Each structure stands twice: as structure tokens, then as C-alpha cells.
Amino acid sequence: MKTAISIPDDIIREVDHLAKINKWSRSEIFTTAIREYIELNKRNLLQKSLQDSSNKLLDCIDKAFSENNINEDVDITQLGKKYFAKTVLKEKY
């Protein structure tokens, strides 16, 4: 598809220089640059989405612990060991 866009002269000069060095057309350079820009934005959006999800999960965990008045001095390792001993070690393989 052909399209018309306005691009500053200094950028066109750089594009023309790159095109000459790499033996590419202007279209190939712009297409490559736009594809890379789109992929970068997709990754950034995914990263933001994952961060938002992580923050929501942490908020839920914080809320659950605060609502249940969990004593901060409880040794999580000991609780894990007790659970492991009660459930996993008693399973028959």
C-alpha cells in the first residue's frame, strides 16, 4: 500500500544514507523500523499488563493476610514443613 507522510528532511537524509549503505529501499527501512516499533510496544504493553496483574495479586495477598490477622512472627518455613509432613509424606506412590 502506498501512503504519503511528512518526514523531516534530516531524517530522510539519514534514511537515504542507511539505504545506500545497506542496499535497501526507503520502504524497506521504514517498514523494518515500524515493525520493530510495533513489537517494542507490544512487549511494553505485555510487561505493563503483567506488572498490573502482579500488583493486583500482591494486593489480594496483603488483604487476605490483614483480614485474617496473621501474626507476622509466624515462621512460614515451619508451617510449610508441617504441611509437607502431614500431606506429601503420607501419600502412597
Protein backbone atom coordinates (compact mmCIF):
# COMPACT_ATOMS: atom_id res chain seq x y z
CA MET A 1 0.00 0.00 0.00
CA LYS A 2 1.25 3.43 -0.81
CA THR A 3 0.82 6.24 1.64
CA ALA A 4 2.03 9.82 1.94
CA ILE A 5 3.52 11.06 5.19
CA SER A 6 5.58 14.10 6.15
CA ILE A 7 9.05 13.33 7.49
CA PRO A 8 11.66 15.94 8.46
CA ASP A 9 14.49 16.44 5.96
CA ASP A 10 17.22 15.39 8.40
CA ILE A 11 15.54 12.01 8.96
CA ILE A 12 15.13 11.47 5.23
CA ARG A 13 18.83 12.16 4.75
CA GLU A 14 19.69 9.56 7.39
CA VAL A 15 17.29 7.06 5.84
CA ASP A 16 18.78 7.64 2.41
CA HIS A 17 22.27 7.14 3.85
CA LEU A 18 21.24 3.86 5.53
CA ALA A 19 19.50 2.73 2.37
CA LYS A 20 22.64 3.31 0.34
CA ILE A 21 24.94 1.55 2.84
CA ASN A 22 22.64 -1.48 3.23
CA LYS A 23 21.39 -1.53 -0.36
CA TRP A 24 17.80 -1.27 0.83
CA SER A 25 14.96 0.87 -0.37
CA ARG A 26 13.44 3.62 1.74
CA SER A 27 10.32 1.46 2.01
CA GLU A 28 12.31 -1.44 3.46
CA ILE A 29 13.89 0.81 6.07
CA PHE A 30 10.58 2.38 7.10
CA THR A 31 8.83 -1.00 7.15
CA THR A 32 11.58 -2.53 9.30
CA ALA A 33 11.57 0.44 11.68
CA ILE A 34 7.79 0.40 12.05
CA ARG A 35 7.73 -3.37 12.65
CA GLU A 36 10.36 -3.03 15.37
CA TYR A 37 8.45 -0.13 16.93
CA ILE A 38 5.22 -2.15 16.96
CA GLU A 39 6.94 -5.18 18.54
CA LEU A 40 8.57 -2.99 21.17
CA ASN A 41 5.20 -1.50 22.07
CA LYS A 42 3.60 -4.95 22.23
CA ARG A 43 6.31 -6.08 24.67
CA ASN A 44 5.90 -2.91 26.72
CA LEU A 45 2.13 -3.39 26.89
CA LEU A 46 2.55 -7.04 27.89
CA GLN A 47 5.10 -6.10 30.53
CA LYS A 48 2.75 -3.43 31.92
CA SER A 49 -0.14 -5.89 31.93
CA LEU A 50 1.96 -8.48 33.80
CA GLN A 51 3.09 -5.85 36.29
CA ASP A 52 -0.51 -4.74 36.85
CA SER A 53 -1.56 -8.36 37.39
CA SER A 54 1.30 -8.92 39.83
CA ASN A 55 0.35 -5.80 41.75
CA LYS A 56 -3.29 -6.94 41.94
CA LEU A 57 -2.20 -10.36 43.19
CA LEU A 58 0.04 -8.80 45.84
CA ASP A 59 -2.80 -6.52 46.91
CA CYS A 60 -5.10 -9.54 47.30
CA ILE A 61 -2.48 -11.41 49.33
CA ASP A 62 -1.92 -8.38 51.56
CA LYS A 63 -5.66 -8.04 52.06
CA ALA A 64 -6.08 -11.74 52.88
CA PHE A 65 -3.30 -11.66 55.45
CA SER A 66 -4.55 -8.46 57.06
CA GLU A 67 -8.15 -9.71 57.25
CA ASN A 68 -7.10 -12.96 58.91
CA ASN A 69 -4.88 -11.23 61.46
CA ILE A 70 -1.94 -13.42 60.62
CA ASN A 71 0.83 -12.99 63.15
CA GLU A 72 3.86 -11.66 61.31
CA ASP A 73 6.10 -13.68 63.63
CA VAL A 74 4.75 -16.98 62.26
CA ASP A 75 7.56 -18.96 60.71
CA ILE A 76 6.31 -19.77 57.21
CA THR A 77 9.04 -22.36 56.81
CA GLN A 78 7.77 -24.28 59.82
CA LEU A 79 4.21 -24.15 58.52
CA GLY A 80 5.42 -25.46 55.17
CA LYS A 81 7.31 -28.31 56.81
CA LYS A 82 4.24 -29.29 58.85
CA TYR A 83 2.06 -29.28 55.75
CA PHE A 84 4.63 -31.33 53.85
CA ALA A 85 4.85 -33.87 56.70
CA LYS A 86 1.07 -34.18 57.03
CA THR A 87 0.21 -34.46 53.37
CA VAL A 88 3.04 -35.23 51.00
CA LEU A 89 4.94 -37.75 53.14
CA LYS A 90 1.75 -39.72 53.84
CA GLU A 91 0.87 -40.11 50.14
CA LYS A 92 1.34 -43.58 48.67
CA TYR A 93 3.24 -43.80 45.43
